[in-house]
C-alpha atoms as a PDB file:
ATOM      1  CA  UNK A   1     121.045  62.172  90.538  1.00  0.00           C
ATOM      2  CA  UNK A   2     122.747  65.296  88.503  1.00  0.00           C
ATOM      3  CA  UNK A   3     120.439  67.530  89.648  1.00  0.00           C
ATOM      4  CA  UNK A   4     123.169  70.013  91.293  1.00  0.00           C
ATOM      5  CA  UNK A   5     126.197  68.578  88.925  1.00  0.00           C
ATOM      6  CA  UNK A   6     126.232  71.605  86.709  1.00  0.00           C
ATOM      7  CA  UNK A   7     125.878  73.948  89.924  1.00  0.00           C
ATOM      8  CA  UNK A   8     129.210  71.969  91.387  1.00  0.00           C
ATOM      9  CA  UNK A   9     130.757  72.411  88.345  1.00  0.00           C
ATOM     10  CA  UNK A  10     130.274  76.406  88.184  1.00  0.00           C
ATOM     11  CA  UNK A  11     131.440  76.506  91.865  1.00  0.00           C
ATOM     12  CA  UNK A  12     134.338  74.616  91.194  1.00  0.00           C
ATOM     13  CA  UNK A  13     135.402  77.221  88.384  1.00  0.00           C
ATOM     14  CA  UNK A  14     134.296  80.144  90.586  1.00  0.00           C
ATOM     15  CA  UNK A  15     136.834  78.926  93.275  1.00  0.00           C
ATOM     16  CA  UNK A  16     139.400  78.187  90.954  1.00  0.00           C
ATOM     17  CA  UNK A  17     140.986  81.496  90.449  1.00  0.00           C
ATOM     18  CA  UNK A  18     141.694  81.658  93.996  1.00  0.00           C
ATOM     19  CA  UNK A  19     144.435  80.446  96.135  1.00  0.00           C
ATOM     20  CA  UNK A  20     143.478  77.662  98.280  1.00  0.00           C
ATOM     21  CA  UNK A  21     144.918  75.648 100.805  1.00  0.00           C
ATOM     22  CA  UNK A  22     143.926  71.799 101.966  1.00  0.00           C
ATOM     23  CA  UNK A  23     143.946  71.524 105.389  1.00  0.00           C
ATOM     24  CA  UNK A  24     145.033  68.011 107.450  1.00  0.00           C
ATOM     25  CA  UNK A  25     142.484  66.492 109.062  1.00  0.00           C
ATOM     26  CA  UNK A  26     144.055  63.241 109.582  1.00  0.00           C
ATOM     27  CA  UNK A  27     145.548  62.933 113.165  1.00  0.00           C
ATOM     28  CA  UNK A  28     144.159  63.320 116.555  1.00  0.00           C
ATOM     29  CA  UNK A  29     145.655  66.868 117.145  1.00  0.00           C
ATOM     30  CA  UNK A  30     142.927  68.085 114.944  1.00  0.00           C
ATOM     31  CA  UNK A  31     140.050  66.452 117.270  1.00  0.00           C
ATOM     32  CA  UNK A  32     137.777  68.760 118.658  1.00  0.00           C
ATOM     33  CA  UNK A  33     134.872  69.331 120.913  1.00  0.00           C
ATOM     34  CA  UNK A  34     131.073  69.198 119.687  1.00  0.00           C
ATOM     35  CA  UNK A  35     129.891  71.525 122.980  1.00  0.00           C
ATOM     36  CA  UNK A  36     126.013  70.868 121.983  1.00  0.00           C
ATOM     37  CA  UNK A  37     123.791  73.432 123.420  1.00  0.00           C
ATOM     38  CA  UNK A  38     126.287  75.102 125.717  1.00  0.00           C
ATOM     39  CA  UNK A  39     127.860  76.830 122.616  1.00  0.00           C
ATOM     40  CA  UNK A  40     126.851  80.219 123.283  1.00  0.00           C
ATOM     41  CA  UNK A  41     129.354  83.284 123.141  1.00  0.00           C
ATOM     42  CA  UNK A  42     128.857  86.832 124.040  1.00  0.00           C
ATOM     43  CA  UNK A  43     130.110  89.646 122.569  1.00  0.00           C
ATOM     44  CA  UNK A  44     132.775  90.371 124.970  1.00  0.00           C
ATOM     45  CA  UNK A  45     133.857  86.710 124.704  1.00  0.00           C
ATOM     46  CA  UNK A  46     134.350  86.757 120.992  1.00  0.00           C
ATOM     47  CA  UNK A  47     137.355  87.273 118.991  1.00  0.00           C
ATOM     48  CA  UNK A  48     135.421  88.002 115.715  1.00  0.00           C
ATOM     49  CA  UNK A  49     132.725  87.435 113.531  1.00  0.00           C
ATOM     50  CA  UNK A  50     132.306  86.042 110.548  1.00  0.00           C
ATOM     51  CA  UNK A  51     129.863  87.280 108.354  1.00  0.00           C
ATOM     52  CA  UNK A  52     129.158  89.682 110.882  1.00  0.00           C
ATOM     53  CA  UNK A  53     126.246  92.803 110.356  1.00  0.00           C
ATOM     54  CA  UNK A  54     126.388  93.766 106.769  1.00  0.00           C
ATOM     55  CA  UNK A  55     129.248  91.289 105.600  1.00  0.00           C
ATOM     56  CA  UNK A  56     128.227  87.899 103.202  1.00  0.00           C
ATOM     57  CA  UNK A  57     127.587  84.903 105.612  1.00  0.00           C
ATOM     58  CA  UNK A  58     126.910  82.141 103.125  1.00  0.00           C
ATOM     59  CA  UNK A  59     126.362  78.374 103.653  1.00  0.00           C
ATOM     60  CA  UNK A  60     125.292  76.256 100.435  1.00  0.00           C
ATOM     61  CA  UNK A  61     124.525  72.830  99.467  1.00  0.00           C
ATOM     62  CA  UNK A  62     125.332  70.707  96.694  1.00  0.00           C
ATOM     63  CA  UNK A  63     124.865  67.041  96.034  1.00  0.00           C
ATOM     64  CA  UNK A  64     126.113  64.549  93.283  1.00  0.00           C
ATOM     65  CA  UNK A  65     127.010  60.725  92.647  1.00  0.00           C
ATOM     66  CA  UNK A  66     129.731  61.327  90.209  1.00  0.00           C
ATOM     67  CA  UNK A  67     133.592  60.238  92.028  1.00  0.00           C
ATOM     68  CA  UNK A  68     134.707  62.532  89.459  1.00  0.00           C
ATOM     69  CA  UNK A  69     133.313  65.587  90.965  1.00  0.00           C
ATOM     70  CA  UNK A  70     134.197  64.522  94.440  1.00  0.00           C
ATOM     71  CA  UNK A  71     136.721  61.484  94.768  1.00  0.00           C
ATOM     72  CA  UNK A  72     137.343  61.449  98.359  1.00  0.00           C
ATOM     73  CA  UNK A  73     136.674  63.733 101.957  1.00  0.00           C
ATOM     74  CA  UNK A  74     138.909  66.748 101.837  1.00  0.00           C
ATOM     75  CA  UNK A  75     138.557  69.996 103.529  1.00  0.00           C
ATOM     76  CA  UNK A  76     139.921  73.550 101.533  1.00  0.00           C
ATOM     77  CA  UNK A  77     140.098  77.001 102.555  1.00  0.00           C
ATOM     78  CA  UNK A  78     140.208  79.757 100.574  1.00  0.00           C
ATOM     79  CA  UNK A  79     141.621  82.702 102.568  1.00  0.00           C
ATOM     80  CA  UNK A  80     143.194  83.019 106.027  1.00  0.00           C
ATOM     81  CA  UNK A  81     143.054  80.306 109.030  1.00  0.00           C
ATOM     82  CA  UNK A  82     141.376  81.040 111.858  1.00  0.00           C
ATOM     83  CA  UNK A  83     143.929  81.771 113.784  1.00  0.00           C
ATOM     84  CA  UNK A  84     145.569  84.591 111.614  1.00  0.00           C
ATOM     85  CA  UNK A  85     142.317  86.417 111.491  1.00  0.00           C
ATOM     86  CA  UNK A  86     142.361  89.548 113.575  1.00  0.00           C
ATOM     87  CA  UNK A  87     138.677  90.875 112.513  1.00  0.00           C
ATOM     88  CA  UNK A  88     135.118  90.647 110.920  1.00  0.00           C
ATOM     89  CA  UNK A  89     135.680  89.227 107.626  1.00  0.00           C
ATOM     90  CA  UNK A  90     132.750  88.331 104.686  1.00  0.00           C
ATOM     91  CA  UNK A  91     132.657  84.205 105.041  1.00  0.00           C
ATOM     92  CA  UNK A  92     131.376  81.261 103.173  1.00  0.00           C
ATOM     93  CA  UNK A  93     131.051  77.246 103.757  1.00  0.00           C
ATOM     94  CA  UNK A  94     130.278  75.169 101.037  1.00  0.00           C
ATOM     95  CA  UNK A  95     129.529  71.162 101.406  1.00  0.00           C
ATOM     96  CA  UNK A  96     129.549  69.260  98.230  1.00  0.00           C
ATOM     97  CA  UNK A  97     128.752  65.807  99.281  1.00  0.00           C
ATOM     98  CA  UNK A  98     128.306  62.775  96.996  1.00  0.00           C
ATOM     99  CA  UNK A  99     126.171  60.300  97.800  1.00  0.00           C
ATOM    100  CA  UNK A 100     125.806  56.989  97.117  1.00  0.00           C
ATOM    101  CA  UNK A 101     123.485  55.736  93.510  1.00  0.00           C
ATOM    102  CA  UNK A 102     120.070  55.038  94.161  1.00  0.00           C
ATOM    103  CA  UNK A 103     120.227  55.849  97.681  1.00  0.00           C
ATOM    104  CA  UNK A 104     118.419  58.849  97.948  1.00  0.00           C
ATOM    105  CA  UNK A 105     115.063  57.390  97.046  1.00  0.00           C
ATOM    106  CA  UNK A 106     112.323  59.379  94.684  1.00  0.00           C
ATOM    107  CA  UNK A 107     109.529  62.134  95.405  1.00  0.00           C
ATOM    108  CA  UNK A 108     109.216  63.258  98.326  1.00  0.00           C
ATOM    109  CA  UNK A 109     111.857  60.456  99.937  1.00  0.00           C
ATOM    110  CA  UNK A 110     114.330  62.289  98.166  1.00  0.00           C
ATOM    111  CA  UNK A 111     113.470  65.531  99.267  1.00  0.00           C
ATOM    112  CA  UNK A 112     113.469  64.516 103.009  1.00  0.00           C
ATOM    113  CA  UNK A 113     116.460  62.701 102.311  1.00  0.00           C
ATOM    114  CA  UNK A 114     118.574  66.303 100.866  1.00  0.00           C
ATOM    115  CA  UNK A 115     117.315  68.004 103.562  1.00  0.00           C
ATOM    116  CA  UNK A 116     118.106  65.534 106.356  1.00  0.00           C
ATOM    117  CA  UNK A 117     121.923  66.142 104.456  1.00  0.00           C
ATOM    118  CA  UNK A 118     121.338  70.069 104.775  1.00  0.00           C
ATOM    119  CA  UNK A 119     120.043  70.211 108.612  1.00  0.00           C
ATOM    120  CA  UNK A 120     123.258  69.114 109.784  1.00  0.00           C
ATOM    121  CA  UNK A 121     124.072  71.710 110.336  1.00  0.00           C
ATOM    122  CA  UNK A 122     121.639  73.076 112.745  1.00  0.00           C
ATOM    123  CA  UNK A 123     122.840  70.041 115.647  1.00  0.00           C
ATOM    124  CA  UNK A 124     126.757  70.643 115.134  1.00  0.00           C
ATOM    125  CA  UNK A 125     128.117  73.315 117.761  1.00  0.00           C
ATOM    126  CA  UNK A 126     131.897  73.130 117.743  1.00  0.00           C
ATOM    127  CA  UNK A 127     133.198  74.205 120.577  1.00  0.00           C
ATOM    128  CA  UNK A 128     134.411  78.257 120.263  1.00  0.00           C
ATOM    129  CA  UNK A 129     132.364  78.231 116.584  1.00  0.00           C
ATOM    130  CA  UNK A 130     128.831  79.644 117.203  1.00  0.00           C
ATOM    131  CA  UNK A 131     126.939  79.330 114.250  1.00  0.00           C
ATOM    132  CA  UNK A 132     123.915  81.625 114.331  1.00  0.00           C
ATOM    133  CA  UNK A 133     121.520  80.308 111.261  1.00  0.00           C
ATOM    134  CA  UNK A 134     118.866  82.056 109.287  1.00  0.00           C
ATOM    135  CA  UNK A 135     117.599  80.247 106.780  1.00  0.00           C
ATOM    136  CA  UNK A 136     114.857  83.047 105.712  1.00  0.00           C
ATOM    137  CA  UNK A 137     117.758  85.462 105.396  1.00  0.00           C
ATOM    138  CA  UNK A 138     119.947  82.750 103.709  1.00  0.00           C
ATOM    139  CA  UNK A 139     122.988  83.217 106.212  1.00  0.00           C
ATOM    140  CA  UNK A 140     124.825  80.950 108.157  1.00  0.00           C
ATOM    141  CA  UNK A 141     127.188  83.632 109.996  1.00  0.00           C
ATOM    142  CA  UNK A 142     129.916  82.222 112.469  1.00  0.00           C
ATOM    143  CA  UNK A 143     130.996  83.785 116.507  1.00  0.00           C
ATOM    144  CA  UNK A 144     134.511  82.678 116.873  1.00  0.00           C
ATOM    145  CA  UNK A 145     135.565  82.939 121.176  1.00  0.00           C
ATOM    146  CA  UNK A 146     139.022  84.012 122.405  1.00  0.00           C
ATOM    147  CA  UNK A 147     139.357  81.198 124.195  1.00  0.00           C
ATOM    148  CA  UNK A 148     139.274  78.470 121.574  1.00  0.00           C
ATOM    149  CA  UNK A 149     141.936  80.487 119.775  1.00  0.00           C
ATOM    150  CA  UNK A 150     143.874  80.245 122.728  1.00  0.00           C
ATOM    151  CA  UNK A 151     143.304  76.459 122.963  1.00  0.00           C
ATOM    152  CA  UNK A 152     144.361  75.755 118.848  1.00  0.00           C
ATOM    153  CA  UNK A 153     140.679  76.352 117.085  1.00  0.00           C
ATOM    154  CA  UNK A 154     141.171  76.019 113.410  1.00  0.00           C
ATOM    155  CA  UNK A 155     138.943  75.490 110.214  1.00  0.00           C
ATOM    156  CA  UNK A 156     140.360  71.983 110.240  1.00  0.00           C
ATOM    157  CA  UNK A 157     139.002  70.849 113.592  1.00  0.00           C
ATOM    158  CA  UNK A 158     135.751  72.518 112.928  1.00  0.00           C
ATOM    159  CA  UNK A 159     135.606  71.214 109.407  1.00  0.00           C
ATOM    160  CA  UNK A 160     136.474  67.261 110.866  1.00  0.00           C
ATOM    161  CA  UNK A 161     133.467  67.357 113.079  1.00  0.00           C
ATOM    162  CA  UNK A 162     131.137  68.513 110.269  1.00  0.00           C
ATOM    163  CA  UNK A 163     132.618  65.764 107.920  1.00  0.00           C
ATOM    164  CA  UNK A 164     132.182  63.350 110.626  1.00  0.00           C
ATOM    165  CA  UNK A 165     128.397  64.626 110.839  1.00  0.00           C
ATOM    166  CA  UNK A 166     127.824  63.954 107.435  1.00  0.00           C
ATOM    167  CA  UNK A 167     129.127  60.776 107.406  1.00  0.00           C
ATOM    168  CA  UNK A 168     126.442  59.485 109.882  1.00  0.00           C
ATOM    169  CA  UNK A 169     124.652  59.520 107.271  1.00  0.00           C
ATOM    170  CA  UNK A 170     124.569  55.930 105.664  1.00  0.00           C
ATOM    171  CA  UNK A 171     123.760  57.823 102.359  1.00  0.00           C
ATOM    172  CA  UNK A 172     126.812  59.883 102.447  1.00  0.00           C
ATOM    173  CA  UNK A 173     130.090  58.194 100.640  1.00  0.00           C
ATOM    174  CA  UNK A 174     132.667  62.049 100.418  1.00  0.00           C
ATOM    175  CA  UNK A 175     132.231  65.439 100.844  1.00  0.00           C
ATOM    176  CA  UNK A 176     134.309  68.056  99.952  1.00  0.00           C
ATOM    177  CA  UNK A 177     134.240  70.989 102.706  1.00  0.00           C
ATOM    178  CA  UNK A 178     134.798  74.383 101.553  1.00  0.00           C
ATOM    179  CA  UNK A 179     135.425  77.575 103.503  1.00  0.00           C
ATOM    180  CA  UNK A 180     136.106  81.149 102.094  1.00  0.00           C
ATOM    181  CA  UNK A 181     137.361  84.114 104.235  1.00  0.00           C
ATOM    182  CA  UNK A 182     138.772  86.113 100.951  1.00  0.00           C
ATOM    183  CA  UNK A 183     138.294  89.776 101.292  1.00  0.00           C
ATOM    184  CA  UNK A 184     137.855  89.684  97.742  1.00  0.00           C
ATOM    185  CA  UNK A 185     135.929  87.004  96.731  1.00  0.00           C
ATOM    186  CA  UNK A 186     133.103  87.321  94.423  1.00  0.00           C
ATOM    187  CA  UNK A 187     130.441  86.774  97.316  1.00  0.00           C
ATOM    188  CA  UNK A 188     127.887  88.143  95.468  1.00  0.00           C
ATOM    189  CA  UNK A 189     127.797  85.630  92.765  1.00  0.00           C
ATOM    190  CA  UNK A 190     128.655  82.717  95.166  1.00  0.00           C
ATOM    191  CA  UNK A 191     125.434  83.911  96.559  1.00  0.00           C
ATOM    192  CA  UNK A 192     123.378  83.453  93.701  1.00  0.00           C
ATOM    193  CA  UNK A 193     124.516  80.182  92.656  1.00  0.00           C
ATOM    194  CA  UNK A 194     124.257  79.156  95.746  1.00  0.00           C
ATOM    195  CA  UNK A 195     120.422  80.708  95.556  1.00  0.00           C
ATOM    196  CA  UNK A 196     119.978  78.463  92.742  1.00  0.00           C
ATOM    197  CA  UNK A 197     120.874  75.310  94.355  1.00  0.00           C
ATOM    198  CA  UNK A 198     118.324  75.841  97.226  1.00  0.00           C
ATOM    199  CA  UNK A 199     115.665  76.548  94.069  1.00  0.00           C
ATOM    200  CA  UNK A 200     116.601  73.355  92.252  1.00  0.00           C
ATOM    201  CA  UNK A 201     115.517  71.697  96.363  1.00  0.00           C
ATOM    202  CA  UNK A 202     112.319  74.011  96.429  1.00  0.00           C
ATOM    203  CA  UNK A 203     111.555  72.897  92.873  1.00  0.00           C
ATOM    204  CA  UNK A 204     111.937  68.755  94.068  1.00  0.00           C
ATOM    205  CA  UNK A 205     109.439  69.716  96.996  1.00  0.00           C
ATOM    206  CA  UNK A 206     107.070  71.500  94.799  1.00  0.00           C
ATOM    207  CA  UNK A 207     107.131  68.853  91.658  1.00  0.00           C
ATOM    208  CA  UNK A 208     106.660  66.235  94.670  1.00  0.00           C
ATOM    209  CA  UNK A 209     103.389  68.188  95.854  1.00  0.00           C
ATOM    210  CA  UNK A 210     101.813  68.879  92.934  1.00  0.00           C
ATOM    211  CA  UNK A 211     101.475  72.450  93.417  1.00  0.00           C
ATOM    212  CA  UNK A 212     101.213  73.763  90.027  1.00  0.00           C
ATOM    213  CA  UNK A 213     101.781  71.229  87.323  1.00  0.00           C
ATOM    214  CA  UNK A 214     101.295  74.264  84.681  1.00  0.00           C
ATOM    215  CA  UNK A 215     104.500  75.241  84.134  1.00  0.00           C
ATOM    216  CA  UNK A 216     103.775  78.270  82.539  1.00  0.00           C
ATOM    217  CA  UNK A 217     102.481  79.699  85.465  1.00  0.00           C
ATOM    218  CA  UNK A 218     105.371  78.148  88.099  1.00  0.00           C
ATOM    219  CA  UNK A 219     107.814  80.740  89.421  1.00  0.00           C
ATOM    220  CA  UNK A 220     110.855  77.985  89.633  1.00  0.00           C
ATOM    221  CA  UNK A 221     110.362  77.007  85.385  1.00  0.00           C
ATOM    222  CA  UNK A 222     113.669  78.833  84.789  1.00  0.00           C
ATOM    223  CA  UNK A 223     115.185  76.362  87.197  1.00  0.00           C
ATOM    224  CA  UNK A 224     113.289  73.546  85.888  1.00  0.00           C
ATOM    225  CA  UNK A 225     114.457  74.752  82.596  1.00  0.00           C
ATOM    226  CA  UNK A 226     118.010  74.693  83.384  1.00  0.00           C
ATOM    227  CA  UNK A 227     118.363  71.715  85.176  1.00  0.00           C
ATOM    228  CA  UNK A 228     119.675  68.101  84.128  1.00  0.00           C
ATOM    229  CA  UNK A 229     117.486  65.646  85.696  1.00  0.00           C
ATOM    230  CA  UNK A 230     114.629  68.434  86.522  1.00  0.00           C
ATOM    231  CA  UNK A 231     112.316  68.223  83.954  1.00  0.00           C
ATOM    232  CA  UNK A 232     112.255  64.337  84.032  1.00  0.00           C
ATOM    233  CA  UNK A 233     111.360  64.062  87.487  1.00  0.00           C
ATOM    234  CA  UNK A 234     108.313  66.583  86.924  1.00  0.00           C
ATOM    235  CA  UNK A 235     107.280  64.255  83.767  1.00  0.00           C
ATOM    236  CA  UNK A 236     107.334  61.383  85.421  1.00  0.00           C
ATOM    237  CA  UNK A 237     105.477  62.919  88.719  1.00  0.00           C
ATOM    238  CA  UNK A 238     102.982  64.371  85.826  1.00  0.00           C
ATOM    239  CA  UNK A 239     102.122  60.457  84.872  1.00  0.00           C
ATOM    240  CA  UNK A 240     101.945  59.498  88.540  1.00  0.00           C
ATOM    241  CA  UNK A 241      99.000  62.016  88.941  1.00  0.00           C
ATOM    242  CA  UNK A 242      97.612  60.994  85.486  1.00  0.00           C
ATOM    243  CA  UNK A 243      97.582  56.929  86.520  1.00  0.00           C
ATOM    244  CA  UNK A 244      96.034  57.662  90.303  1.00  0.00           C
ATOM    245  CA  UNK A 245      93.369  60.220  88.507  1.00  0.00           C
END
C-alpha cells in the first residue's frame, strides 16, 4: 500500500528543518494512566491549552507498509515538552503507522481498516491530557491539567499510551508518533499536507461507493491524479462494477 508514501516523505522533509528530541518510553517511569471518560479538565484546573482558541491544533495519520519509512516504534518531539511549556502554544500530533503487507484488505474493508486505526484517538484519554477533537473542523487541541504536570506528565507518557493503543490493532507493526509545539513551525503548510491525507482516505471511500465514476466531474480528481496507487484502485473498482452490471 503506497497511497500515503509520498505524503509521508513530504512530511518528513517538513520536519527535517527543525530540532527534534527522541523520547525514551522504554522503562516503567514512562507509564501513565488512561482515565477513560473521567478525563474532564475545567479551565480553572488547566495549566494551558495546546492549540487553543485561534492557534493551530493539527492531527494527522498516514499509513504505509514500507519498513524504511517507519522502521520501529518512536516518539519524537519538536519543540518544548509539557513540563517546559508555560502558556498556550500551537500544536500538532502526527501518527505514521506501518501496517502488515496485505493485511488491510481492499475496497470497503480497506477504508474501514484505515478508519479503525484513525479512531484510536477517540478512545484514548491520558490522565490530565484532555483532547478536544473536532473532526468537522480538522482540529485536535489538548487541555493540560496542572495536577498532572505536578505528577510528572510529559509527551513520553502520552505517547506511550498512544503506541499501546495503536498496537492493539493486529494490523499495526510499528508507529512513529510525532508531537510538534514549536512556535515557528510552518503549521499552515503542515495543515495542507495533512488535509491531503484525509482526502486520500475520503477518495478511497468515494471510489468504493461508486458515487461518481466520471473523473472529470469528481472533486477528488486532483488527489487521484497525484497519489500513487489511487488510479489502480479506481480502475479496479470500475472493472468490478462493469463485471457485475
